[in-house]
Amino acid sequence: MPFDEHTLVYKVGGKMFCLLDATQFNGCALKCDPERIPELRESFEGIDAGPYLSRRHWNYVWPVPTGDVPWIVFEGLLKESYALVYQGLTRKVKAEVDASGKV
């Protein structure tokens, strides 16, 4: 919780891939491929730019029941966010993540 007592941050290799309000979960911020962002925001009312993060690289996602994003889509976006951040890590950090056995 590097920002405040409410914002839970998930990281891989020291880099953020998911942020959420731990006291009142209704959605979360996920890293996203910039080329997919327009399509996702047009397809779902529950996907939009979130506060404080780059509109070009991050989406705020509200899954069912607080939004209209089906849970299966939400899970896919979460996995994509993790993979996108993991891909950007150095070989050394990837090796450390892989060796730790933590996903």
Protein backbone atom coordinates (compact mmCIF):
# COMPACT_ATOMS: atom_id res chain seq x y z
CA MET A 1 0.00 0.00 0.00
CA PRO A 2 2.53 2.59 -1.15
CA PHE A 3 0.07 5.44 -1.77
CA ASP A 4 -2.33 5.40 1.18
CA GLU A 5 -4.14 3.05 3.57
CA HIS A 6 -6.87 2.28 1.02
CA THR A 7 -5.08 1.67 -2.28
CA LEU A 8 -3.85 -1.88 -2.71
CA VAL A 9 -1.19 -2.25 -5.40
CA TYR A 10 -0.30 -5.54 -7.09
CA LYS A 11 3.14 -5.74 -8.67
CA VAL A 12 5.27 -8.13 -10.68
CA GLY A 13 9.01 -7.58 -10.61
CA GLY A 14 8.45 -4.34 -8.69
CA LYS A 15 6.15 -2.87 -11.39
CA MET A 16 2.45 -2.14 -10.92
CA PHE A 17 -0.15 -4.06 -12.91
CA CYS A 18 -3.29 -3.62 -10.77
CA LEU A 19 -4.53 -1.01 -8.29
CA LEU A 20 -7.74 -1.15 -6.27
CA ASP A 21 -9.49 0.34 -3.27
CA ALA A 22 -9.15 -2.37 -0.63
CA THR A 23 -11.86 -0.92 1.59
CA GLN A 24 -14.56 -0.68 -1.07
CA PHE A 25 -13.82 -2.87 -4.08
CA ASN A 26 -15.96 -1.92 -7.05
CA GLY A 27 -13.34 -2.15 -9.77
CA CYS A 28 -9.65 -1.67 -10.36
CA ALA A 29 -7.08 -0.02 -12.58
CA LEU A 30 -5.33 -2.34 -15.03
CA LYS A 31 -2.46 -1.75 -17.42
CA CYS A 32 -3.52 -2.24 -21.03
CA ASP A 33 -2.05 -2.35 -24.52
CA PRO A 34 -2.67 1.18 -25.87
CA GLU A 35 -3.99 -0.26 -29.16
CA ARG A 36 -6.81 -2.12 -27.33
CA ILE A 37 -7.95 0.77 -25.14
CA PRO A 38 -10.30 2.50 -27.64
CA GLU A 39 -12.06 -0.77 -28.52
CA LEU A 40 -12.51 -1.74 -24.87
CA ARG A 41 -13.84 1.67 -23.86
CA GLU A 42 -16.33 1.62 -26.74
CA SER A 43 -17.48 -1.93 -25.93
CA PHE A 44 -18.17 -1.50 -22.21
CA GLU A 45 -19.47 1.40 -20.13
CA GLY A 46 -17.55 -0.19 -17.23
CA ILE A 47 -14.16 0.46 -18.83
CA ASP A 48 -12.86 4.01 -18.79
CA ALA A 49 -9.83 6.10 -17.93
CA GLY A 50 -9.18 6.10 -14.22
CA PRO A 51 -7.98 8.93 -12.04
CA TYR A 52 -4.27 9.65 -11.55
CA LEU A 53 -2.99 7.18 -14.18
CA SER A 54 -2.03 7.53 -17.82
CA ARG A 55 -5.14 7.38 -20.03
CA ARG A 56 -2.95 5.91 -22.76
CA HIS A 57 -1.77 2.87 -20.75
CA TRP A 58 -4.35 2.27 -18.02
CA ASN A 59 -8.06 1.46 -17.83
CA TYR A 60 -10.31 1.48 -14.81
CA VAL A 61 -12.52 -1.61 -15.03
CA TRP A 62 -15.85 -2.11 -13.23
CA PRO A 63 -16.85 -5.78 -13.44
CA VAL A 64 -20.33 -7.17 -12.78
CA PRO A 65 -22.16 -6.46 -10.45
CA THR A 66 -20.89 -2.85 -10.11
CA GLY A 67 -20.35 -2.45 -13.86
CA ASP A 68 -21.16 -4.15 -17.13
CA VAL A 69 -17.86 -5.98 -17.70
CA PRO A 70 -18.47 -9.75 -17.52
CA TRP A 71 -16.29 -11.50 -14.96
CA ILE A 72 -14.62 -13.64 -17.65
CA VAL A 73 -13.58 -10.48 -19.54
CA PHE A 74 -12.35 -8.90 -16.30
CA GLU A 75 -10.21 -11.96 -15.52
CA GLY A 76 -8.75 -11.85 -19.03
CA LEU A 77 -7.88 -8.16 -18.69
CA LEU A 78 -6.23 -8.84 -15.33
CA LYS A 79 -4.09 -11.61 -16.85
CA GLU A 80 -3.23 -9.39 -19.82
CA SER A 81 -2.18 -6.60 -17.46
CA TYR A 82 0.15 -8.95 -15.59
CA ALA A 83 1.58 -10.34 -18.86
CA LEU A 84 2.10 -6.86 -20.33
CA VAL A 85 4.07 -5.71 -17.30
CA TYR A 86 5.99 -9.01 -17.08
CA GLN A 87 7.02 -8.70 -20.75
CA GLY A 88 8.52 -5.28 -20.04
CA LEU A 89 10.80 -6.56 -17.28
CA THR A 90 14.48 -7.13 -17.82
CA ARG A 91 15.72 -10.70 -18.30
CA LYS A 92 17.31 -10.60 -14.86
CA VAL A 93 14.10 -9.54 -13.13
CA LYS A 94 12.04 -12.08 -15.14
CA ALA A 95 14.44 -14.81 -14.00
CA GLU A 96 14.02 -13.67 -10.37
CA VAL A 97 10.22 -13.68 -10.72
CA ASP A 98 10.27 -17.12 -12.36
CA ALA A 99 12.62 -18.51 -9.69
CA SER A 100 10.42 -17.23 -6.88
CA GLY A 101 7.55 -19.44 -8.03
CA LYS A 102 5.08 -16.61 -7.35
CA VAL A 103 2.60 -15.82 -10.10
